Amino acid sequence: MRQNKKISFVLGFLLILVYLTTFSAISTEARRHHGKKSRTHKHKKPRHDHHSTPGHVYNSSNFNILKFGAKGDGVSDDSKALEDAWKAACQVEGAILQIPYNYKFLIKPVTLKGPCMSQLLFQIDGSLLAPPKVGAWPKSSLFQWINFKWIHNFTIQGTGTVDGQGSNWWAAASSTQVAFTQKLSDQKVPYMKPTALRFYESYNVTIRDISLINSPLCHLKFDNSGGVNIDNITIISPETSPNTDGIHLQNTRDVEIQHSNIGCGDDCVSIQTGCSNVHIHHLNCGPGHGISLGGLGKDKSVACVSDIMVDNIIMQNTLYGVRIKTWQGGAGLVKNISFSHIKVSDVKVPIMIDQYYCDKHLCKNQTDAVAITGVKYDQIMGTFSVQPIHLACSNSIPCINVDLTNVQLRPASSKLGYGSGGLQHGGLCWNSYGRSKGPLVPSSMDDCLMRGSGGSGPQRIARSRNENVC
């Protein structure tokens, strides 16, 4: 009995010893591991610390340009502050680059590059000002003012203004153009006016609510981009400001432009080669040159534009309404274009296809042309001051599948009668094939379109050749 008690005591002692040894080993390893984690965390810095201005540590995703040294007085050069704020925000997912309300920031030409972390937001509530003096622009920066490159999943929004201060550029382009061009030529700089905001190879870009005013040239331009959404913006420049297009698209796909107001000295929206799947709707346009596809095919180039839908547009006091313009000698194809629910007021020519486009006094006649097929005009209504319709299609490659449905256009003045004052019996129609369906006003538009497949064998072959290059 005593021996059994002795054995039990020894076994119990051994179990306690094993437990204590194991617990001690676990505690030692835990302390080592904790120390290693603490040392790693101690030396880890936020991703954007190396971009920060000395004296500032940023612990959030908000990057206010004032914290990067900007003055915001409209006189000091705040370009570097913007670039530094951009570099810092670019490194943080969901970052907000802030242009605060009630400040004016003078920004010289800058390029803001990506790729950046996803969901970068450029919040413009104050004003960005371009250099007002032409001579203040560097030789290498005559093509754009604020240039965005390689940006994905990016938004610009706010209550603020982007002001191109372009009045001196417009003056140089008119009364002093010759002297100004010569001066730049002496410096081996081409004569060019800068675009205000330009995007290059950027995707999933949203621009909303802001105002763009007085750009030296185009206000907003997209090159080689896609997934663009423009909503509730305002673009304003004087009617007399030359070449100040509102929105310019080139080689850009999947675009929606909506609920905006554009008044400028050129096209409210300009759609160039390489564009497809563009939807423009609920837009107020005027003054300006209307909504245009082209000019396409300049210098015998290939132009391809397809799947463009323009609807619910109000145009007032514009040179044209909805227009397709191509140069003689070009190649390519314009197809699947729809213009519907367009209200025009005192528009010189509401409906236009011009395949003889020329920006000089005289252009050489050429037989090749960009083919045009599948253009629908539906519910185009209002008043005109020169012609209701102008369809001037190529002699060699006619326009085909052009539809006119419920088009009602009346003279803006009672002094203008159909067939007089340049109205040419209600419009000019040349070598265009398609269908018309009433009501049509003026009724002569019913005879505007020829029936059939669009010309002889050689014409169809030429059109087919153009279709194959797109």
Protein backbone atom coordinates (compact mmCIF):
# COMPACT_ATOMS: atom_id res chain seq x y z
CA MET A 1 0.00 0.00 0.00
CA ARG A 2 2.80 2.35 0.94
CA GLN A 3 4.61 1.40 -2.28
CA ASN A 4 1.56 2.31 -4.37
CA LYS A 5 1.33 5.71 -2.67
CA LYS A 6 5.01 6.28 -3.37
CA ILE A 7 4.61 5.40 -7.06
CA SER A 8 1.58 7.74 -7.35
CA PHE A 9 3.53 10.59 -5.78
CA VAL A 10 6.43 10.15 -8.22
CA LEU A 11 4.11 10.06 -11.27
CA GLY A 12 2.29 13.20 -10.10
CA PHE A 13 5.57 15.02 -9.62
CA LEU A 14 6.73 14.05 -13.12
CA LEU A 15 3.45 15.32 -14.70
CA ILE A 16 3.78 18.67 -12.93
CA LEU A 17 7.40 18.97 -14.11
CA VAL A 18 6.45 18.24 -17.75
CA TYR A 19 3.64 20.85 -17.61
CA LEU A 20 5.89 23.56 -16.21
CA THR A 21 8.60 22.86 -18.79
CA THR A 22 6.12 23.02 -21.70
CA PHE A 23 4.47 26.26 -20.47
CA SER A 24 7.85 27.92 -20.08
CA ALA A 25 8.86 27.03 -23.64
CA ILE A 26 5.56 28.35 -25.08
CA SER A 27 5.84 31.61 -23.15
CA THR A 28 9.42 32.14 -24.34
CA GLU A 29 8.45 31.59 -28.01
CA ALA A 30 5.44 33.89 -27.65
CA ARG A 31 7.65 36.66 -26.27
CA ARG A 32 10.09 36.21 -29.13
CA HIS A 33 7.29 36.32 -31.72
CA HIS A 34 5.71 39.38 -30.14
CA GLY A 35 9.03 41.16 -30.12
CA LYS A 36 9.58 40.39 -33.79
CA LYS A 37 6.12 41.76 -34.73
CA SER A 38 6.66 44.90 -32.69
CA ARG A 39 10.01 45.61 -34.32
CA THR A 40 8.49 45.13 -37.84
CA HIS A 41 5.56 47.44 -37.10
CA LYS A 42 7.84 50.04 -35.55
CA HIS A 43 9.74 50.62 -38.79
CA LYS A 44 6.78 50.38 -41.19
CA LYS A 45 5.72 53.77 -42.62
CA PRO A 46 2.59 54.80 -44.54
CA ARG A 47 2.98 54.33 -48.29
CA HIS A 48 2.76 58.04 -48.99
CA ASP A 49 5.12 59.40 -46.32
CA HIS A 50 7.98 59.82 -48.80
CA HIS A 51 5.77 62.20 -50.84
CA SER A 52 4.76 64.38 -47.91
CA THR A 53 5.79 67.96 -47.41
CA PRO A 54 8.34 68.29 -44.53
CA GLY A 55 6.56 68.99 -41.27
CA HIS A 56 3.31 67.30 -42.32
CA VAL A 57 2.27 63.72 -41.59
CA TYR A 58 -0.86 62.46 -43.34
CA ASN A 59 -2.87 59.84 -41.53
CA SER A 60 -5.96 59.89 -43.75
CA SER A 61 -6.88 59.69 -47.40
CA ASN A 62 -7.49 63.46 -47.76
CA PHE A 63 -4.80 65.50 -49.51
CA ASN A 64 -5.52 69.23 -49.42
CA ILE A 65 -3.36 71.21 -51.86
CA LEU A 66 -2.87 73.91 -49.19
CA LYS A 67 -0.96 71.41 -47.03
CA PHE A 68 1.53 70.96 -49.85
CA GLY A 69 2.54 74.62 -49.93
CA ALA A 70 -0.10 76.13 -52.22
CA LYS A 71 -0.99 79.79 -51.57
CA GLY A 72 -4.38 79.87 -53.28
CA ASP A 73 -4.20 83.61 -53.95
CA GLY A 74 -4.57 83.38 -57.74
CA VAL A 75 -1.16 85.00 -58.26
CA SER A 76 1.44 82.65 -56.79
CA ASP A 77 2.51 79.63 -58.83
CA ASP A 78 0.87 76.62 -57.17
CA SER A 79 1.89 74.10 -59.85
CA LYS A 80 4.41 72.22 -57.71
CA ALA A 81 1.97 71.98 -54.82
CA LEU A 82 -0.57 70.35 -57.15
CA GLU A 83 2.02 67.92 -58.49
CA ASP A 84 3.16 66.98 -54.98
CA ALA A 85 -0.40 66.53 -53.76
CA TRP A 86 -1.13 64.37 -56.81
CA LYS A 87 1.91 62.14 -56.21
CA ALA A 88 0.90 61.62 -52.60
CA ALA A 89 -2.77 60.93 -53.32
CA CYS A 90 -1.88 58.65 -56.21
CA GLN A 91 -0.32 56.18 -53.74
CA VAL A 92 -3.40 55.72 -51.55
CA GLU A 93 -6.52 53.78 -52.50
CA GLY A 94 -9.64 55.91 -52.31
CA ALA A 95 -7.64 59.12 -51.83
CA ILE A 96 -9.19 62.59 -52.19
CA LEU A 97 -7.12 65.40 -53.70
CA GLN A 98 -8.81 68.58 -52.51
CA ILE A 99 -8.96 71.98 -54.20
CA PRO A 100 -10.73 73.88 -51.40
CA TYR A 101 -13.59 76.31 -51.78
CA ASN A 102 -12.95 80.07 -51.88
CA TYR A 103 -9.32 79.74 -53.08
CA LYS A 104 -7.83 80.40 -56.51
CA PHE A 105 -4.82 78.39 -57.62
CA LEU A 106 -2.64 79.53 -60.52
CA ILE A 107 -1.44 76.37 -62.25
CA LYS A 108 1.10 76.31 -65.06
CA PRO A 109 0.99 73.43 -67.58
CA VAL A 110 1.29 70.12 -65.71
CA THR A 111 1.07 66.42 -66.50
CA LEU A 112 -0.51 64.26 -63.80
CA LYS A 113 0.46 60.66 -64.45
CA GLY A 114 -0.75 57.27 -63.34
CA PRO A 115 -1.19 54.50 -62.83
CA CYS A 116 -2.58 55.38 -59.41
CA MET A 117 -4.32 53.39 -56.71
CA SER A 118 -7.99 52.75 -57.42
CA GLN A 119 -10.84 55.21 -56.82
CA LEU A 120 -8.79 58.40 -56.77
CA LEU A 121 -11.05 61.46 -56.41
CA PHE A 122 -10.07 64.97 -57.55
CA GLN A 123 -12.40 67.25 -55.59
CA ILE A 124 -12.45 70.73 -57.17
CA ASP A 125 -14.44 73.18 -55.07
CA GLY A 126 -12.19 76.20 -55.60
CA SER A 127 -10.78 77.58 -58.86
CA LEU A 128 -7.90 76.43 -61.02
CA LEU A 129 -6.51 79.25 -63.20
CA ALA A 130 -4.32 78.90 -66.29
CA PRO A 131 -1.56 81.46 -66.94
CA PRO A 132 -3.32 84.42 -68.56
CA LYS A 133 -0.33 85.63 -70.61
CA VAL A 134 0.57 83.70 -73.76
CA GLY A 135 4.28 84.35 -73.21
CA ALA A 136 4.15 82.64 -69.80
CA TRP A 137 3.53 79.24 -71.39
CA PRO A 138 6.63 77.03 -71.90
CA LYS A 139 7.44 76.10 -75.49
CA SER A 140 6.82 72.43 -74.78
CA SER A 141 3.35 72.95 -73.31
CA LEU A 142 1.30 74.52 -76.07
CA PHE A 143 -0.88 71.44 -76.57
CA GLN A 144 -2.59 71.09 -73.19
CA TRP A 145 -2.82 72.78 -69.82
CA ILE A 146 -3.67 69.98 -67.36
CA ASN A 147 -2.80 66.65 -68.89
CA PHE A 148 -3.90 63.34 -67.32
CA LYS A 149 -2.10 60.20 -68.52
CA TRP A 150 -2.71 56.53 -67.76
CA ILE A 151 -5.40 57.08 -65.15
CA HIS A 152 -7.93 54.33 -64.26
CA ASN A 153 -10.99 54.44 -62.00
CA PHE A 154 -10.72 58.18 -61.52
CA THR A 155 -13.30 60.89 -60.72
CA ILE A 156 -13.26 64.67 -60.98
CA GLN A 157 -16.13 66.39 -59.21
CA GLY A 158 -17.00 69.48 -57.21
CA THR A 159 -18.60 72.89 -57.25
CA GLY A 160 -15.49 74.67 -58.52
CA THR A 161 -14.23 76.09 -61.79
CA VAL A 162 -11.44 75.26 -64.21
CA ASP A 163 -10.65 78.57 -65.92
CA GLY A 164 -8.42 78.53 -69.01
CA GLN A 165 -8.26 82.37 -69.15
CA GLY A 166 -8.04 82.12 -72.92
CA SER A 167 -8.91 85.64 -74.06
CA ASN A 168 -5.31 86.52 -74.99
CA TRP A 169 -5.05 83.36 -77.06
CA TRP A 170 -8.20 84.23 -78.97
CA ALA A 171 -6.88 87.71 -79.72
CA ALA A 172 -3.61 86.23 -80.94
CA ALA A 173 -5.53 83.90 -83.22
CA SER A 174 -7.38 86.75 -84.90
CA SER A 175 -6.03 90.28 -85.15
CA THR A 176 -2.39 89.48 -84.39
CA GLN A 177 -2.23 85.95 -85.74
CA VAL A 178 0.42 86.64 -88.37
CA ALA A 179 2.84 88.36 -85.99
CA PHE A 180 2.22 85.81 -83.25
CA THR A 181 2.81 82.88 -85.58
CA GLN A 182 6.02 84.45 -86.82
CA LYS A 183 7.23 84.99 -83.28
CA LEU A 184 6.61 81.36 -82.36
CA SER A 185 8.11 80.21 -85.65
CA ASP A 186 11.33 82.04 -84.85
CA GLN A 187 11.46 80.00 -81.63
CA LYS A 188 10.79 76.79 -83.60
CA VAL A 189 7.50 76.27 -81.77
CA PRO A 190 4.38 75.34 -83.79
CA TYR A 191 1.42 77.63 -83.59
CA MET A 192 -0.98 75.83 -81.28
CA LYS A 193 -3.40 76.74 -78.51
CA PRO A 194 -3.66 74.50 -75.44
CA THR A 195 -6.61 72.32 -74.46
CA ALA A 196 -7.74 72.87 -70.85
CA LEU A 197 -8.20 69.29 -69.59
CA ARG A 198 -6.87 66.41 -71.64
CA PHE A 199 -6.99 62.67 -70.89
CA TYR A 200 -4.72 60.18 -72.63
CA GLU A 201 -5.06 56.40 -72.37
CA SER A 202 -7.34 56.69 -69.38
CA TYR A 203 -10.24 54.38 -68.50
CA ASN A 204 -13.30 54.48 -66.27
CA VAL A 205 -13.17 58.24 -65.84
CA THR A 206 -16.07 60.23 -64.39
CA ILE A 207 -16.36 64.03 -64.55
CA ARG A 208 -19.34 65.65 -62.87
CA ASP A 209 -20.70 68.94 -61.55
CA ILE A 210 -17.67 71.17 -62.24
CA SER A 211 -17.51 74.18 -64.61
CA LEU A 212 -14.98 74.59 -67.43
CA ILE A 213 -14.69 78.10 -68.82
CA ASN A 214 -12.69 80.12 -71.34
CA SER A 215 -10.26 77.50 -72.57
CA PRO A 216 -7.69 78.71 -75.13
CA LEU A 217 -8.75 75.78 -77.34
CA CYS A 218 -10.88 72.73 -76.56
CA HIS A 219 -12.20 72.56 -72.99
CA LEU A 220 -12.22 68.79 -72.40
CA LYS A 221 -10.51 66.19 -74.57
CA PHE A 222 -10.20 62.40 -74.49
CA ASP A 223 -7.60 60.54 -76.57
CA ASN A 224 -7.29 56.74 -76.74
CA SER A 225 -9.55 56.30 -73.73
CA GLY A 226 -12.67 54.41 -72.70
CA GLY A 227 -15.38 54.10 -70.10
CA VAL A 228 -16.01 57.85 -69.86
CA ASN A 229 -18.97 59.34 -67.98
CA ILE A 230 -19.63 63.09 -68.05
CA ASP A 231 -22.57 64.29 -65.98
CA ASN A 232 -23.97 67.68 -65.01
CA ILE A 233 -21.04 69.83 -66.08
CA THR A 234 -21.07 73.37 -67.47
CA ILE A 235 -18.81 74.58 -70.28
CA ILE A 236 -18.80 78.26 -71.21
CA SER A 237 -16.76 80.41 -73.58
CA PRO A 238 -17.78 83.28 -75.86
CA GLU A 239 -19.42 82.55 -79.19
CA THR A 240 -16.56 84.42 -80.86
CA SER A 241 -13.78 82.35 -79.26
CA PRO A 242 -12.26 80.31 -82.11
CA ASN A 243 -11.99 76.50 -81.94
CA THR A 244 -13.10 76.28 -78.34
CA ASP A 245 -14.91 72.94 -78.63
CA GLY A 246 -16.72 71.85 -75.50
CA ILE A 247 -15.93 68.12 -75.47
CA HIS A 248 -13.64 66.46 -78.02
CA LEU A 249 -13.48 62.66 -78.41
CA GLN A 250 -10.85 60.82 -80.44
CA ASN A 251 -10.13 57.08 -80.48
CA THR A 252 -12.39 56.79 -77.44
CA ARG A 253 -15.10 54.21 -76.74
CA ASP A 254 -17.95 53.63 -74.32
CA VAL A 255 -18.82 57.24 -73.52
CA GLU A 256 -21.89 58.79 -71.88
CA ILE A 257 -22.37 62.56 -71.84
CA GLN A 258 -25.51 63.67 -70.04
CA HIS A 259 -27.43 66.46 -68.27
CA SER A 260 -24.94 69.20 -69.10
CA ASN A 261 -24.85 72.74 -70.52
CA ILE A 262 -22.35 73.69 -73.22
CA GLY A 263 -21.95 77.06 -74.93
CA CYS A 264 -18.73 77.81 -76.82
CA GLY A 265 -17.14 79.05 -80.04
CA ASP A 266 -17.11 75.68 -81.85
CA ASP A 267 -18.71 72.23 -81.57
CA CYS A 268 -20.49 71.53 -78.30
CA VAL A 269 -19.37 67.94 -78.78
CA SER A 270 -16.89 66.84 -81.46
CA ILE A 271 -16.58 63.13 -82.30
CA GLN A 272 -13.53 62.11 -84.29
CA THR A 273 -12.12 58.93 -85.78
CA GLY A 274 -11.85 55.79 -83.67
CA CYS A 275 -14.93 56.55 -81.56
CA SER A 276 -17.71 54.04 -80.93
CA ASN A 277 -20.53 53.41 -78.48
CA VAL A 278 -21.07 57.06 -77.58
CA HIS A 279 -24.37 58.19 -76.01
CA ILE A 280 -25.08 61.92 -75.69
CA HIS A 281 -28.37 62.88 -74.09
CA HIS A 282 -30.17 65.62 -72.17
CA LEU A 283 -27.78 68.32 -73.27
CA ASN A 284 -28.27 72.06 -73.74
CA CYS A 285 -26.07 73.28 -76.59
CA GLY A 286 -25.58 76.89 -77.63
CA PRO A 287 -24.05 79.05 -78.76
CA GLY A 288 -21.65 76.99 -80.86
CA HIS A 289 -21.54 74.77 -83.91
CA GLY A 290 -23.80 72.01 -82.64
CA ILE A 291 -22.88 68.33 -82.26
CA SER A 292 -20.52 67.09 -84.97
CA LEU A 293 -18.99 63.89 -86.24
CA GLY A 294 -15.78 64.96 -87.94
CA GLY A 295 -14.19 66.36 -89.98
CA LEU A 296 -13.16 62.84 -90.95
CA GLY A 297 -10.70 61.59 -93.54
CA LYS A 298 -8.44 64.65 -93.72
CA ASP A 299 -5.28 64.24 -95.85
CA LYS A 300 -6.55 60.91 -97.21
CA SER A 301 -6.62 59.34 -93.75
CA VAL A 302 -8.82 56.43 -92.65
CA ALA A 303 -11.72 57.32 -90.35
CA CYS A 304 -13.93 54.84 -88.50
CA VAL A 305 -16.88 55.94 -86.34
CA SER A 306 -19.79 53.74 -85.25
CA ASP A 307 -22.69 53.35 -82.84
CA ILE A 308 -23.32 56.98 -81.91
CA MET A 309 -26.63 57.90 -80.24
CA VAL A 310 -27.65 61.53 -79.70
CA ASP A 311 -31.04 62.20 -78.13
CA ASN A 312 -32.99 64.67 -76.01
CA ILE A 313 -30.94 67.70 -77.02
CA ILE A 314 -31.91 71.38 -76.92
CA MET A 315 -29.97 73.61 -79.35
CA GLN A 316 -30.32 77.35 -79.45
CA ASN A 317 -28.54 79.87 -81.67
CA THR A 318 -26.06 77.36 -83.10
CA LEU A 319 -24.47 77.27 -86.53
CA TYR A 320 -25.51 73.65 -87.10
CA GLY A 321 -27.64 71.15 -85.29
CA VAL A 322 -26.49 67.56 -85.77
CA ARG A 323 -23.76 67.25 -88.38
CA ILE A 324 -21.55 64.69 -90.11
CA LYS A 325 -18.63 66.21 -92.02
CA THR A 326 -15.95 64.43 -94.03
CA TRP A 327 -13.09 65.52 -96.27
CA GLN A 328 -12.82 64.46 -99.87
CA GLY A 329 -10.13 61.85 -100.48
CA GLY A 330 -10.53 60.04 -97.15
CA ALA A 331 -11.39 56.41 -96.51
CA GLY A 332 -13.24 54.46 -93.84
CA LEU A 333 -16.79 54.21 -92.58
CA VAL A 334 -19.39 56.04 -90.49
CA LYS A 335 -22.23 53.70 -89.48
CA ASN A 336 -25.11 53.26 -87.06
CA ILE A 337 -25.73 56.90 -86.13
CA SER A 338 -28.96 58.00 -84.44
CA PHE A 339 -30.20 61.56 -83.83
CA SER A 340 -33.57 61.74 -82.06
CA HIS A 341 -35.70 64.14 -80.04
CA ILE A 342 -33.68 67.20 -81.01
CA LYS A 343 -35.25 70.62 -80.38
CA VAL A 344 -33.69 73.47 -82.33
CA SER A 345 -34.26 77.20 -82.03
CA ASP A 346 -32.84 79.66 -84.56
CA VAL A 347 -30.30 77.12 -85.80
CA LYS A 348 -28.88 77.92 -89.22
CA VAL A 349 -28.84 74.34 -90.56
CA PRO A 350 -30.35 71.77 -88.17
CA ILE A 351 -29.57 68.61 -90.21
CA MET A 352 -26.34 68.29 -92.18
CA ILE A 353 -24.21 65.70 -93.93
CA ASP A 354 -21.32 67.39 -95.72
CA GLN A 355 -18.91 65.12 -97.60
CA TYR A 356 -17.26 68.13 -99.23
CA TYR A 357 -16.00 69.67 -96.02
CA CYS A 358 -13.26 72.25 -96.56
CA ASP A 359 -11.83 74.78 -94.12
CA LYS A 360 -10.12 76.78 -96.86
CA HIS A 361 -11.42 79.03 -99.61
CA LEU A 362 -11.00 76.22 -102.13
CA CYS A 363 -10.23 72.50 -101.82
CA LYS A 364 -9.29 70.11 -104.62
CA ASN A 365 -12.01 67.73 -105.81
CA GLN A 366 -11.24 64.06 -105.05
CA THR A 367 -13.22 60.90 -105.74
CA ASP A 368 -12.47 58.83 -102.63
CA ALA A 369 -14.65 59.39 -99.57
CA VAL A 370 -15.48 58.08 -96.12
CA ALA A 371 -18.57 55.89 -96.56
CA ILE A 372 -21.70 56.80 -94.56
CA THR A 373 -24.44 54.26 -93.86
CA GLY A 374 -27.23 53.88 -91.33
CA VAL A 375 -28.06 57.42 -90.18
CA LYS A 376 -31.43 57.99 -88.53
CA TYR A 377 -33.09 61.37 -87.90
CA ASP A 378 -36.19 61.08 -85.72
CA GLN A 379 -38.25 63.92 -84.22
CA ILE A 380 -36.01 66.84 -85.14
CA MET A 381 -38.17 69.89 -84.48
CA GLY A 382 -37.94 73.65 -84.22
CA THR A 383 -36.78 76.63 -86.25
CA PHE A 384 -33.94 77.33 -88.67
CA SER A 385 -32.53 80.50 -90.21
CA VAL A 386 -30.88 79.26 -93.45
CA GLN A 387 -31.78 75.68 -94.43
CA PRO A 388 -33.69 72.93 -92.66
CA ILE A 389 -31.59 70.15 -94.17
CA HIS A 390 -28.35 69.81 -96.14
CA LEU A 391 -27.35 66.37 -97.38
CA ALA A 392 -24.35 66.70 -99.69
CA CYS A 393 -23.03 63.17 -100.19
CA SER A 394 -20.08 62.02 -102.27
CA ASN A 395 -20.53 61.57 -106.02
CA SER A 396 -18.58 58.32 -105.95
CA ILE A 397 -19.79 56.82 -102.65
CA PRO A 398 -23.35 57.94 -101.82
CA CYS A 399 -24.85 57.96 -98.34
CA ILE A 400 -27.16 54.97 -97.83
CA ASN A 401 -29.79 53.90 -95.31
CA VAL A 402 -30.53 57.47 -94.27
CA ASP A 403 -33.93 57.72 -92.54
CA LEU A 404 -36.01 60.84 -91.93
CA THR A 405 -38.92 60.37 -89.52
CA ASN A 406 -41.18 63.07 -88.09
CA VAL A 407 -38.91 66.00 -88.94
CA GLN A 408 -40.66 69.37 -88.55
CA LEU A 409 -38.52 72.44 -89.19
CA ARG A 410 -39.91 75.90 -89.84
CA PRO A 411 -38.28 79.25 -90.67
CA ALA A 412 -37.25 81.26 -87.63
CA SER A 413 -38.55 84.41 -89.30
CA SER A 414 -41.69 84.93 -91.32
CA LYS A 415 -39.56 86.87 -93.81
CA LEU A 416 -37.89 83.61 -94.81
CA GLY A 417 -39.94 81.64 -97.28
CA TYR A 418 -39.25 78.16 -98.51
CA GLY A 419 -37.40 78.35 -101.79
CA SER A 420 -36.06 81.85 -101.17
CA GLY A 421 -33.38 83.55 -99.17
CA GLY A 422 -30.98 80.62 -99.56
CA LEU A 423 -33.53 78.01 -98.47
CA GLN A 424 -33.21 76.19 -101.80
CA HIS A 425 -36.74 74.75 -101.84
CA GLY A 426 -36.56 73.54 -98.26
CA GLY A 427 -33.04 72.15 -98.34
CA LEU A 428 -30.23 70.67 -100.38
CA CYS A 429 -30.16 66.92 -101.03
CA TRP A 430 -27.51 65.18 -103.13
CA ASN A 431 -26.78 61.50 -103.71
CA SER A 432 -28.37 60.25 -100.50
CA TYR A 433 -30.48 57.08 -100.33
CA GLY A 434 -32.97 56.04 -97.69
CA ARG A 435 -36.54 56.33 -96.45
CA SER A 436 -38.72 59.15 -95.16
CA LYS A 437 -41.83 58.95 -93.02
CA GLY A 438 -44.14 61.80 -92.12
CA PRO A 439 -45.02 64.16 -90.84
CA LEU A 440 -42.28 66.09 -92.65
CA VAL A 441 -42.04 69.88 -92.67
CA PRO A 442 -41.14 71.22 -95.15
CA SER A 443 -42.88 68.54 -97.20
CA SER A 444 -40.16 68.74 -99.87
CA MET A 445 -37.99 66.64 -97.56
CA ASP A 446 -40.04 63.66 -98.66
CA ASP A 447 -38.22 63.88 -102.01
CA CYS A 448 -34.84 64.43 -100.40
CA LEU A 449 -33.87 60.75 -100.28
CA MET A 450 -33.56 58.51 -103.30
CA ARG A 451 -34.88 54.98 -103.11
CA GLY A 452 -32.72 51.98 -103.84
CA SER A 453 -29.49 50.33 -102.74
CA GLY A 454 -27.32 53.36 -103.27
CA GLY A 455 -25.81 53.53 -106.71
CA SER A 456 -24.26 51.31 -109.37
CA GLY A 457 -21.92 48.34 -109.07
CA PRO A 458 -18.70 50.41 -108.93
CA GLN A 459 -20.16 52.60 -106.20
CA ARG A 460 -21.12 49.58 -104.11
CA ILE A 461 -17.66 48.08 -104.59
CA ALA A 462 -16.01 51.31 -103.46
CA ARG A 463 -18.25 51.46 -100.41
CA SER A 464 -17.51 47.83 -99.55
CA ARG A 465 -13.78 48.51 -99.79
CA ASN A 466 -14.14 51.34 -97.27
CA GLU A 467 -16.15 49.15 -94.91
CA ASN A 468 -13.39 46.57 -94.85
CA VAL A 469 -10.75 49.00 -93.57
CA CYS A 470 -12.66 49.61 -90.33
